[in-house]
Structures are given as C-alpha cells and as structure tokens.
Amino acid sequence: MFSNSLIELDRAHLIHPVASYRGHENLGVRVLTSAFGATVTDANGKQLIDGFAGLWCVNAGYGHDSIVEAAAKQMRELPYATAYFGLGSEPAIRLASELADRAPGDLNHVYFTLGGSDAVDSTIRFIRYYWNARGRPGKDQFISIEQGYHGSSTVGAGLTALPAFHAGFGLPFDWQHKIPSHYAYRNPVGTEPEAIIAASIAALKQKIEELGGAERVAAFYAEPIQGSGGVLVPPKGWMKAMRAVCRELDILFVADEVITGFGRTGPLFACSEDDIVPDLLTVAKGLTSGYVPMGALFMSEHVYQTIADGAGTSAVGHGYTYSAHPVSAAVGLEVLRLYEDGLLENGRRAGARLMAGLESLKDHPLVGDVRGRGMLAAIELVVDKERKTPLPAAAEPARRIFDRAWNNGLVIRAFANGVLGYAPPLCCTEAEIDAIVERTRRTLDETLADNDIRRALVA
C-alpha cells in the first residue's frame, strides 16, 4: 500500500528530469527507500548494487554517518548564511580555501553554485564580463563539442550537444557552436591517437575561422571525458593539445569536471592527469557526494583579477541565494576528508578492477567497445562487430537493458544508442566490482536471447 500510494502520487504530481512524461505515467516510479555503501534498496526490499552512484555523484558511497553529522551540526549552529552584503560562514570560507589549495595551477578563486548546470551558466556570464572588461566585447562566440554535456540550464543546454536537450527548446543559440567529438570508436579518421588529436585541432581552428577569427571567439568548453555523450574518452594528450590552441589564440578554456571531479577518474581533478590548467573549471556531483546540492566554478588568477579590476568599486551582478550555503559547505569539507582518508586510493584500486572486468566482456557477441578511466566506464553494444552496427532502435536498449540489469540487481546507465555507462561509488569492494561485471554479463546474455537482437545479428 505504501509503495502503491507513492506511485500514484508520483504519477499525479512529480515531474521527473529528462523523462518521457507519458511514458513515465504509464510505467510508474521505482521508489528507493534506503542505501548503504554501494547498495540501494527499493520499496519492495530489493537490493541492488548502484553501478552509477545515483547520477555519477555519490562518489563516497551511501550511509556515511560523519557526513550526516557534519550537516546536522551545521544546521544546529547556523543553517543558513548569505554570502551577499560581505557576509559569510566558516564552512564556506574553509571549503573554498581547501579546494583552491588542491586545484590545478592558479585556480585560486571559487564561486559556489547549487549544481553543475548553474556552474556552467555562471561561467558564461563571467566570461562575457571578462571580455567586456578587457575592452573586447566582440569576443562573444562560444564553442563546445558534439556529444558533450554542459547542463540543462537555459544557456548551458545550448552548449550541451545532445538532441534531446535542444528539441522543442529553441536551442542552441546562434552564438553557440560545435566541433566533432574525439569519439575514438567511431571517429572518421580512425583510432590512432595522433590522428584524432590532429583532426580535433584542425576542426577547432576551422570553426574559429568560420566565426571570423579568434577575435570573435570567447571560450571553448571540454569535458576531460564526455560523460552523458556515452563516456567518450579522448586519447592521451588531447586535452593538452586543445588547451594549447586556446592559449595561443587567446580563447578561454573551460574544463567541465562536473562528472570527472573528486576521484571519478582517480585523482581529485581529472585535469591534473591531463597536465593542464584551464582558465575556468566547473565541478558539482562528487563535491558533496550528492548528499546535498552544491556546485562550484574555479577561476584562474588572471580571470578573477580582470573581472575585479573591470568592476572596480561596482558590484559584479551575479549571485544566487544559496551560493556558499554553510550546510552544503560543511558536507563538502567532510566529504573531502573522506576522499583523502582512503576513498581516493580505494577508488583507484576498484577502478583498475572494474576496467579489467569490463575488458573481459569483450568476447561477448554484443560488445563492440569497452572504454573508461578509473571508476568511469562504458560498454558499447553492437550487433555487428566488424561494421560496428548499433543495436536496432526497436530493441529499446535504454528501457529494456536498464530493466533487465535492475532485475539482475544492478543499476547502470543505459543510453538509447546501446551504450552502458558505469560510475560506481569509490567505496566499492572487490566483491562488489566483480558482481557488477557478473551481473552485466548475465544482462548481456539475456539481451542476446531477444528475438529482435538475434535477427539483427543474423542479418
């Protein structure tokens, strides 16, 4: 009765993100009731390994009492403090300092947001302010990458390059432009790293020229790994090469680490692996391990100083009511402590085991590609390995494979194009990683038995 009543209330009132409203009304909600470690439990008592850490975000895992206590203590002492009017709170100040100490290079200044989408949105506003302060208002064109994801805010969704985020919304805007992804498995230039990097450099330079030259281009956005586009991992050196082009042409380089930050690929920041220091960097998700909402953007020294000098004694007119929220900041500080107290190291070990386990599935008839870095991975399914033919749309891979994995006790991200995404909590044990791989194989075997899949394989 509890479950059924919630299903009806959900169907009647709760709008779910990135969902078919009619489809969801028909299927109904799956209600989660509790979680601990890497395991979630639904309203029927079914336990599942969360192979996707909620939405790439519960990096520390569920049920850390110390995080709960940090939030409760802060709520008792000071549940809210505005950062307007020159006011502040100790947790927010300390978190900004700790993050700046650990960020790559001179990313010394931190602006807190509620999540990743408004962190990206904030970069756009600050970048426009930056170029106006430099007396170059004509640099007003923005470039991102096909299959990239930069949130679903009004302007950030235009930088996102996934069709569902544009259709019906009047996006992208005419100042938002794309270049092809590095997508190694399906790149027209092949799989060789040097060729992919050269093609991306050429595409970026060509797009800049099409827009009237570097004097028109404000910024370029890139994820260290394209998450929602299908966990697309660039070849080693790709980020560094694209960063170099932007530096050469005086174009701001924005690294979007909303997904990759805080141990997802190994270290706190994936940019440190890529050996780059962007002009701006966005984070969210793992910042608080999803326990409370919070995001942030880091500004390099020259961006901050230019904006500050440009404003002079005037206010920079950008702010959120909940920016630098003390409870979220207190959680962020405790989560950071847990990362450095063993979770990052466990995540590195677990990530190596996850990648090895998924690689072992390459012999499966449906597995065309396995890719990833650390605890961020994907399998791409095909019905013809030679031709890399995707699963037929009629097979409804997003729905059918998600349901089948769920029935097998595993939560994964099943994309509509037949890509399976993995982003387990960093706390996973060896047994849990092995179970993720075993339950994936079982799910693939059951999918292989579907008549429409078998017909496509024979064809």
Protein backbone atom coordinates (compact mmCIF):
# COMPACT_ATOMS: atom_id res chain seq x y z
CA MET A 1 0.00 0.00 0.00
CA PHE A 2 2.86 2.35 0.89
CA SER A 3 4.51 1.72 -2.44
CA ASN A 4 1.30 1.88 -4.49
CA SER A 5 0.17 5.14 -2.92
CA LEU A 6 3.54 6.74 -3.65
CA ILE A 7 3.42 5.53 -7.23
CA GLU A 8 0.05 7.22 -7.72
CA LEU A 9 1.16 10.43 -6.01
CA ASP A 10 4.29 10.48 -8.18
CA ARG A 11 2.29 9.86 -11.32
CA ALA A 12 -0.07 12.72 -10.46
CA HIS A 13 2.37 15.36 -9.26
CA LEU A 14 6.14 14.82 -9.61
CA ILE A 15 7.79 15.91 -12.85
CA HIS A 16 10.90 13.81 -13.43
CA PRO A 17 14.01 15.17 -15.17
CA VAL A 18 14.80 14.10 -18.73
CA ALA A 19 11.82 11.74 -18.90
CA SER A 20 9.00 10.96 -21.30
CA TYR A 21 6.14 12.31 -19.23
CA ARG A 22 3.58 9.99 -20.86
CA GLY A 23 5.96 7.07 -20.71
CA HIS A 24 6.62 7.65 -17.03
CA GLU A 25 2.92 7.97 -16.27
CA ASN A 26 2.43 4.59 -17.91
CA LEU A 27 5.32 2.77 -16.25
CA GLY A 28 5.21 4.38 -12.81
CA VAL A 29 8.10 5.18 -10.46
CA ARG A 30 10.51 2.80 -8.76
CA VAL A 31 10.75 4.05 -5.19
CA LEU A 32 14.10 3.84 -3.41
CA THR A 33 13.86 3.69 0.37
CA SER A 34 17.38 3.24 1.77
CA ALA A 35 21.03 2.83 0.83
CA PHE A 36 24.35 1.92 2.36
CA GLY A 37 27.81 1.71 0.84
CA ALA A 38 27.28 0.83 -2.82
CA THR A 39 23.88 -0.81 -2.30
CA VAL A 40 20.43 0.73 -2.70
CA THR A 41 17.13 -0.82 -1.57
CA ASP A 42 13.73 -0.24 -3.17
CA ALA A 43 10.27 -0.17 -1.61
CA ASN A 44 9.86 -3.91 -2.26
CA GLY A 45 13.02 -4.71 -0.32
CA LYS A 46 15.05 -5.49 -3.45
CA GLN A 47 18.74 -4.70 -3.04
CA LEU A 48 20.85 -3.55 -5.97
CA ILE A 49 24.45 -2.51 -6.49
CA ASP A 50 24.39 1.10 -7.61
CA GLY A 51 26.78 0.93 -10.53
CA PHE A 52 26.08 4.55 -11.40
CA ALA A 53 26.41 6.24 -7.99
CA GLY A 54 23.00 7.85 -8.29
CA LEU A 55 23.71 10.17 -11.22
CA TRP A 56 27.51 9.94 -11.32
CA CYS A 57 27.52 11.72 -7.97
CA VAL A 58 27.53 9.56 -4.81
CA ASN A 59 31.29 9.11 -5.10
CA ALA A 60 31.84 8.44 -1.40
CA GLY A 61 29.00 5.90 -1.21
CA TYR A 62 25.87 5.94 0.90
CA GLY A 63 25.46 5.96 4.65
CA HIS A 64 28.49 7.84 5.97
CA ASP A 65 27.45 8.92 9.46
CA SER A 66 30.21 11.51 9.59
CA ILE A 67 28.68 13.36 6.62
CA VAL A 68 25.25 13.28 8.22
CA GLU A 69 26.70 14.58 11.49
CA ALA A 70 28.56 17.39 9.71
CA ALA A 71 25.29 18.54 8.14
CA ALA A 72 23.31 18.19 11.37
CA LYS A 73 25.89 20.07 13.43
CA GLN A 74 25.93 22.93 10.93
CA MET A 75 22.12 23.03 10.81
CA ARG A 76 22.00 23.39 14.57
CA GLU A 77 24.62 26.13 14.68
CA LEU A 78 23.95 28.13 11.52
CA PRO A 79 21.56 26.60 8.98
CA TYR A 80 21.88 29.47 6.53
CA ALA A 81 24.15 32.42 5.93
CA THR A 82 24.02 34.61 2.86
CA ALA A 83 27.20 35.44 1.05
CA TYR A 84 25.66 38.75 -0.03
CA PHE A 85 26.45 42.02 1.78
CA GLY A 86 30.01 40.93 2.54
CA LEU A 87 28.76 38.21 4.89
CA GLY A 88 29.94 34.63 5.06
CA SER A 89 30.26 31.46 7.10
CA GLU A 90 33.27 29.48 8.28
CA PRO A 91 32.47 26.25 6.37
CA ALA A 92 32.16 28.05 3.02
CA ILE A 93 35.34 30.04 3.56
CA ARG A 94 37.30 26.96 4.59
CA LEU A 95 35.93 24.84 1.75
CA ALA A 96 36.89 27.48 -0.83
CA SER A 97 40.39 27.58 0.65
CA GLU A 98 40.80 23.78 0.75
CA LEU A 99 39.58 23.41 -2.82
CA ALA A 100 41.84 26.18 -4.11
CA ASP A 101 44.82 24.53 -2.40
CA ARG A 102 44.12 21.30 -4.29
CA ALA A 103 43.02 22.62 -7.68
CA PRO A 104 45.46 22.62 -10.59
CA GLY A 105 47.72 25.64 -11.06
CA ASP A 106 46.38 29.08 -10.23
CA LEU A 107 42.68 28.21 -9.98
CA ASN A 108 42.65 30.13 -6.73
CA HIS A 109 39.15 31.62 -6.66
CA VAL A 110 35.95 29.64 -6.08
CA TYR A 111 32.34 30.65 -6.73
CA PHE A 112 29.77 28.26 -5.24
CA THR A 113 26.57 27.29 -7.04
CA LEU A 114 23.77 24.79 -6.44
CA GLY A 115 24.95 22.25 -9.01
CA GLY A 116 26.66 21.66 -12.31
CA SER A 117 24.17 23.34 -14.65
CA ASP A 118 24.31 26.68 -12.88
CA ALA A 119 28.09 26.39 -12.51
CA VAL A 120 28.31 26.24 -16.32
CA ASP A 121 25.73 29.00 -16.63
CA SER A 122 27.88 31.14 -14.33
CA THR A 123 30.97 30.62 -16.48
CA ILE A 124 29.12 32.08 -19.46
CA ARG A 125 28.21 35.21 -17.53
CA PHE A 126 31.70 35.63 -16.09
CA ILE A 127 33.33 35.04 -19.47
CA ARG A 128 31.22 37.75 -21.11
CA TYR A 129 32.08 40.09 -18.25
CA TYR A 130 35.77 39.21 -18.62
CA TRP A 131 35.92 40.12 -22.31
CA ASN A 132 33.93 43.30 -21.78
CA ALA A 133 36.35 44.26 -19.01
CA ARG A 134 39.21 43.73 -21.44
CA GLY A 135 37.53 46.03 -23.95
CA ARG A 136 36.82 43.21 -26.40
CA PRO A 137 33.02 42.79 -26.46
CA GLY A 138 33.25 41.31 -29.95
CA LYS A 139 34.58 38.06 -28.47
CA ASP A 140 31.08 36.69 -27.94
CA GLN A 141 31.05 33.29 -29.67
CA PHE A 142 31.25 30.03 -27.69
CA ILE A 143 32.40 26.63 -28.91
CA SER A 144 31.77 23.21 -27.41
CA ILE A 145 31.91 19.61 -28.65
CA GLU A 146 29.34 17.34 -30.25
CA GLN A 147 28.04 14.76 -27.75
CA GLY A 148 29.24 16.97 -24.93
CA TYR A 149 27.10 17.76 -21.89
CA HIS A 150 27.20 21.07 -20.03
CA GLY A 151 23.93 21.03 -18.15
CA SER A 152 20.31 21.85 -18.92
CA SER A 153 20.01 25.48 -17.90
CA THR A 154 18.63 27.89 -20.48
CA VAL A 155 22.01 28.81 -21.94
CA GLY A 156 24.10 25.84 -20.75
CA ALA A 157 21.84 23.44 -22.61
CA GLY A 158 22.89 25.19 -25.81
CA LEU A 159 26.50 24.26 -25.12
CA THR A 160 25.29 20.72 -24.46
CA ALA A 161 25.27 18.92 -27.79
CA LEU A 162 22.70 16.18 -27.33
CA PRO A 163 19.49 16.38 -29.40
CA ALA A 164 17.03 15.84 -26.52
CA PHE A 165 18.27 19.00 -24.81
CA HIS A 166 17.66 21.13 -27.90
CA ALA A 167 14.45 19.75 -29.43
CA GLY A 168 11.49 21.98 -28.64
CA PHE A 169 13.57 24.49 -26.67
CA GLY A 170 14.81 26.78 -29.44
CA LEU A 171 18.43 25.79 -28.86
CA PRO A 172 21.28 26.20 -29.46
CA PHE A 173 21.53 29.98 -29.63
CA ASP A 174 23.23 31.45 -32.67
CA TRP A 175 26.37 32.22 -30.66
CA GLN A 176 26.82 28.59 -29.62
CA HIS A 177 28.79 26.34 -31.94
CA LYS A 178 30.12 22.76 -32.03
CA ILE A 179 33.04 20.79 -33.38
CA PRO A 180 33.07 16.99 -33.81
CA SER A 181 33.83 14.77 -30.84
CA HIS A 182 37.08 12.84 -30.45
CA TYR A 183 34.87 9.66 -30.12
CA ALA A 184 37.60 7.13 -30.89
CA TYR A 185 35.38 4.11 -31.59
CA ARG A 186 33.50 5.92 -34.34
CA ASN A 187 35.93 8.60 -35.47
CA PRO A 188 36.16 9.01 -39.26
CA VAL A 189 39.96 9.38 -39.03
CA GLY A 190 40.36 6.04 -37.23
CA THR A 191 41.52 5.12 -33.76
CA GLU A 192 45.12 6.36 -33.76
CA PRO A 193 45.58 9.00 -31.03
CA GLU A 194 47.75 11.28 -33.15
CA ALA A 195 45.21 11.33 -35.97
CA ILE A 196 42.31 12.04 -33.60
CA ILE A 197 44.19 14.87 -31.89
CA ALA A 198 45.21 16.39 -35.23
CA ALA A 199 41.63 16.20 -36.51
CA SER A 200 40.27 17.92 -33.40
CA ILE A 201 42.86 20.69 -33.59
CA ALA A 202 42.02 21.23 -37.27
CA ALA A 203 38.28 21.25 -36.53
CA LEU A 204 38.67 23.81 -33.75
CA LYS A 205 40.82 26.11 -35.86
CA GLN A 206 38.45 25.78 -38.81
CA LYS A 207 35.45 26.64 -36.64
CA ILE A 208 37.28 29.67 -35.26
CA GLU A 209 37.97 30.88 -38.78
CA GLU A 210 34.35 30.30 -39.80
CA LEU A 211 33.27 32.54 -36.94
CA GLY A 212 35.51 35.39 -38.08
CA GLY A 213 38.76 34.51 -36.34
CA ALA A 214 39.96 34.38 -32.75
CA GLU A 215 38.91 37.98 -32.18
CA ARG A 216 35.29 36.72 -32.21
CA VAL A 217 35.62 33.60 -30.03
CA ALA A 218 35.21 33.92 -26.27
CA ALA A 219 35.65 30.38 -24.98
CA PHE A 220 35.95 26.68 -25.68
CA TYR A 221 34.36 24.05 -23.41
CA ALA A 222 35.52 20.47 -22.98
CA GLU A 223 34.97 17.59 -20.57
CA PRO A 224 38.05 15.51 -19.71
CA ILE A 225 35.76 12.56 -20.53
CA GLN A 226 32.44 13.16 -22.28
CA GLY A 227 30.04 11.63 -19.77
CA SER A 228 26.44 11.88 -20.96
CA GLY A 229 27.57 11.58 -24.56
CA GLY A 230 28.44 7.95 -23.83
CA VAL A 231 31.60 8.04 -21.67
CA LEU A 232 33.81 9.08 -24.58
CA VAL A 233 37.46 9.04 -23.54
CA PRO A 234 39.84 11.23 -25.55
CA PRO A 235 43.30 9.94 -26.39
CA LYS A 236 46.07 10.88 -24.00
CA GLY A 237 47.29 14.37 -24.82
CA TRP A 238 44.01 15.53 -26.39
CA MET A 239 43.05 17.96 -23.61
CA LYS A 240 46.57 19.36 -23.53
CA ALA A 241 46.60 19.91 -27.28
CA MET A 242 43.24 21.69 -27.29
CA ARG A 243 44.31 23.79 -24.31
CA ALA A 244 47.42 24.86 -26.23
CA VAL A 245 45.35 26.04 -29.22
CA CYS A 246 43.17 28.16 -26.95
CA ARG A 247 46.15 29.69 -25.18
CA GLU A 248 47.81 30.50 -28.50
CA LEU A 249 44.68 32.23 -29.83
CA ASP A 250 43.67 33.99 -26.57
CA ILE A 251 40.47 31.98 -26.16
CA LEU A 252 39.37 30.98 -22.66
CA PHE A 253 39.48 27.24 -22.00
CA VAL A 254 36.77 25.85 -19.71
CA ALA A 255 37.17 22.34 -18.30
CA ASP A 256 33.84 20.87 -17.23
CA GLU A 257 34.61 18.42 -14.42
CA VAL A 258 31.11 18.12 -13.05
CA ILE A 259 31.30 14.35 -13.69
CA THR A 260 35.04 13.68 -13.64
CA GLY A 261 35.92 15.60 -10.47
CA PHE A 262 36.54 14.17 -7.00
CA GLY A 263 38.05 10.79 -7.68
CA ARG A 264 35.83 9.64 -10.51
CA THR A 265 38.84 9.06 -12.78
CA GLY A 266 41.40 8.65 -9.96
CA PRO A 267 42.63 11.99 -8.58
CA LEU A 268 40.53 14.84 -7.23
CA PHE A 269 40.63 16.57 -10.62
CA ALA A 270 40.99 14.82 -13.97
CA CYS A 271 42.78 17.93 -15.33
CA SER A 272 45.76 17.06 -13.16
CA GLU A 273 46.05 13.77 -15.06
CA ASP A 274 45.78 15.67 -18.33
CA ASP A 275 48.52 18.05 -17.14
CA ILE A 276 46.55 21.20 -17.90
CA VAL A 277 45.38 24.27 -16.02
CA PRO A 278 42.16 25.63 -17.58
CA ASP A 279 41.08 29.24 -17.28
CA LEU A 280 37.88 28.12 -15.57
CA LEU A 281 36.84 24.76 -14.16
CA THR A 282 33.39 23.57 -13.09
CA VAL A 283 32.56 20.89 -10.52
CA ALA A 284 29.49 19.55 -8.67
CA LYS A 285 28.28 15.94 -8.08
CA GLY A 286 31.21 14.47 -6.13
CA LEU A 287 31.84 17.80 -4.39
CA THR A 288 29.30 16.76 -1.74
CA SER A 289 28.94 13.14 -2.90
CA GLY A 290 25.36 14.03 -3.76
CA TYR A 291 24.33 14.27 -0.08
CA VAL A 292 23.27 17.91 -0.52
CA PRO A 293 23.16 20.20 -3.58
CA MET A 294 26.31 22.16 -4.38
CA GLY A 295 28.46 23.05 -7.35
CA ALA A 296 31.36 25.38 -7.93
CA LEU A 297 33.42 27.10 -10.54
CA PHE A 298 37.11 27.85 -10.18
CA MET A 299 38.58 30.98 -11.72
CA SER A 300 42.21 31.28 -12.63
CA GLU A 301 44.09 34.26 -11.27
CA HIS A 302 44.00 36.30 -14.48
CA VAL A 303 40.26 35.80 -15.00
CA TYR A 304 39.45 36.84 -11.44
CA GLN A 305 41.76 39.87 -11.48
CA THR A 306 40.43 41.06 -14.83
CA ILE A 307 36.83 40.89 -13.62
CA ALA A 308 37.70 42.51 -10.30
CA ASP A 309 39.62 45.36 -11.98
CA GLY A 310 36.89 45.81 -14.58
CA ALA A 311 34.23 46.20 -11.90
CA GLY A 312 36.30 48.46 -9.69
CA THR A 313 34.06 49.67 -6.87
CA SER A 314 30.89 48.42 -8.61
CA ALA A 315 29.24 45.12 -7.77
CA VAL A 316 29.63 42.22 -10.19
CA GLY A 317 25.94 41.48 -10.72
CA HIS A 318 25.86 37.72 -10.50
CA GLY A 319 24.65 35.77 -7.47
CA TYR A 320 22.45 33.03 -6.04
CA THR A 321 20.56 32.95 -2.74
CA TYR A 322 22.17 29.64 -1.83
CA SER A 323 25.69 30.33 -3.08
CA ALA A 324 28.21 29.25 -0.41
CA HIS A 325 25.48 27.59 1.66
CA PRO A 326 27.00 26.69 5.04
CA VAL A 327 25.37 23.25 5.33
CA SER A 328 26.48 22.21 1.85
CA ALA A 329 29.96 23.56 2.58
CA ALA A 330 30.18 21.61 5.85
CA VAL A 331 29.25 18.46 3.95
CA GLY A 332 31.82 19.28 1.26
CA LEU A 333 34.57 19.58 3.87
CA GLU A 334 33.73 16.21 5.40
CA VAL A 335 33.46 14.53 2.00
CA LEU A 336 36.86 15.95 1.05
CA ARG A 337 38.31 14.50 4.26
CA LEU A 338 36.86 11.07 3.44
CA TYR A 339 38.29 11.17 -0.06
CA GLU A 340 41.77 11.83 1.24
CA ASP A 341 41.38 9.39 4.13
CA GLY A 342 41.30 6.36 1.85
CA LEU A 343 38.42 6.66 -0.60
CA LEU A 344 40.54 8.02 -3.46
CA GLU A 345 43.01 5.19 -3.05
CA ASN A 346 40.25 2.58 -2.85
CA GLY A 347 38.67 4.12 -5.94
CA ARG A 348 41.92 3.74 -7.87
CA ARG A 349 42.13 0.05 -6.98
CA ALA A 350 38.45 -0.53 -7.65
CA GLY A 351 38.67 1.36 -10.95
CA ALA A 352 41.51 -0.83 -12.19
CA ARG A 353 39.49 -3.92 -11.26
CA LEU A 354 36.36 -2.52 -12.93
CA MET A 355 38.18 -1.80 -16.19
CA ALA A 356 39.81 -5.25 -16.20
CA GLY A 357 36.45 -6.87 -15.53
CA LEU A 358 34.67 -4.98 -18.29
CA GLU A 359 37.54 -5.74 -20.69
CA SER A 360 36.88 -9.42 -20.01
CA LEU A 361 33.45 -8.95 -21.60
CA LYS A 362 34.95 -8.09 -24.99
CA ASP A 363 34.47 -11.68 -26.08
CA HIS A 364 30.70 -11.30 -25.79
CA PRO A 365 28.92 -11.22 -29.19
CA LEU A 366 27.24 -7.89 -28.36
CA VAL A 367 30.25 -5.97 -27.03
CA GLY A 368 31.85 -3.70 -29.59
CA ASP A 369 33.89 -1.40 -27.37
CA VAL A 370 34.99 -1.07 -23.75
CA ARG A 371 36.35 2.28 -22.61
CA GLY A 372 36.92 4.27 -19.47
CA ARG A 373 39.28 5.66 -16.86
CA GLY A 374 39.11 4.84 -13.20
CA MET A 375 35.55 4.48 -11.92
CA LEU A 376 34.06 5.93 -15.10
CA ALA A 377 33.49 3.40 -17.87
CA ALA A 378 31.24 2.27 -20.70
CA ILE A 379 30.47 -0.71 -22.88
CA GLU A 380 29.14 -0.03 -26.36
CA LEU A 381 26.87 -2.76 -27.72
CA VAL A 382 26.66 -3.67 -31.39
CA VAL A 383 25.07 -6.40 -33.49
CA ASP A 384 27.99 -6.48 -35.96
CA LYS A 385 31.48 -6.01 -34.54
CA GLU A 386 33.09 -5.61 -37.95
CA ARG A 387 30.71 -2.88 -39.13
CA LYS A 388 30.09 -1.50 -35.60
CA THR A 389 26.35 -1.67 -36.25
CA PRO A 390 24.39 -0.32 -33.25
CA LEU A 391 21.56 -2.23 -31.63
CA PRO A 392 18.29 -1.66 -33.53
CA ALA A 393 16.19 1.16 -32.11
CA ALA A 394 13.25 -1.24 -31.96
CA ALA A 395 15.12 -3.13 -29.25
CA GLU A 396 14.64 -0.09 -26.96
CA PRO A 397 18.06 -0.54 -25.33
CA ALA A 398 17.61 2.35 -22.88
CA ARG A 399 14.47 0.82 -21.38
CA ARG A 400 14.96 -2.90 -21.90
CA ILE A 401 18.57 -3.17 -20.74
CA PHE A 402 18.03 -0.90 -17.74
CA ASP A 403 15.07 -3.04 -16.66
CA ARG A 404 16.98 -6.26 -17.19
CA ALA A 405 20.00 -5.03 -15.23
CA TRP A 406 17.64 -3.89 -12.46
CA ASN A 407 16.09 -7.34 -12.31
CA ASN A 408 19.61 -8.73 -12.01
CA GLY A 409 20.34 -6.48 -9.03
CA LEU A 410 22.35 -3.79 -10.82
CA VAL A 411 21.77 -0.11 -11.55
CA ILE A 412 23.60 1.18 -14.64
CA ARG A 413 23.04 3.94 -17.18
CA ALA A 414 21.56 2.51 -20.36
CA PHE A 415 21.79 5.02 -23.20
CA ALA A 416 19.39 4.94 -26.14
CA ASN A 417 22.22 4.10 -28.56
CA GLY A 418 23.12 0.89 -26.72
CA VAL A 419 25.95 2.27 -24.59
CA LEU A 420 26.04 1.08 -20.96
CA GLY A 421 27.55 3.57 -18.52
CA TYR A 422 29.26 2.79 -15.21
CA ALA A 423 30.25 5.11 -12.38
CA PRO A 424 30.15 3.14 -9.11
CA PRO A 425 30.90 4.66 -5.70
CA LEU A 426 34.59 4.81 -4.81
CA CYS A 427 33.90 2.70 -1.72
CA CYS A 428 33.17 -0.44 -3.75
CA THR A 429 34.74 -3.68 -2.52
CA GLU A 430 36.38 -6.20 -4.82
CA ALA A 431 33.32 -8.42 -4.45
CA GLU A 432 31.01 -5.58 -5.49
CA ILE A 433 33.09 -4.77 -8.55
CA ASP A 434 33.09 -8.44 -9.53
CA ALA A 435 29.32 -8.55 -9.03
CA ILE A 436 28.89 -5.54 -11.34
CA VAL A 437 30.78 -7.39 -14.06
CA GLU A 438 28.99 -10.71 -13.48
CA ARG A 439 25.53 -9.10 -13.48
CA THR A 440 26.44 -7.20 -16.63
CA ARG A 441 27.38 -10.44 -18.38
CA ARG A 442 24.09 -12.01 -17.29
CA THR A 443 22.22 -8.97 -18.62
CA LEU A 444 24.06 -9.19 -21.94
CA ASP A 445 23.34 -12.92 -22.26
CA GLU A 446 19.63 -12.31 -21.67
CA THR A 447 19.65 -9.48 -24.22
CA LEU A 448 21.38 -11.71 -26.75
CA ALA A 449 18.44 -14.12 -26.47
CA ASP A 450 15.92 -11.46 -27.58
CA ASN A 451 14.40 -12.33 -30.94
CA ASP A 452 14.92 -8.87 -32.45
CA ILE A 453 18.56 -8.86 -31.36
CA ARG A 454 19.16 -12.35 -32.78
CA ARG A 455 17.54 -11.37 -36.07
CA ALA A 456 19.79 -8.31 -36.29
CA LEU A 457 22.86 -10.44 -35.54
CA VAL A 458 22.00 -12.90 -38.29
CA ALA A 459 21.36 -10.08 -40.76
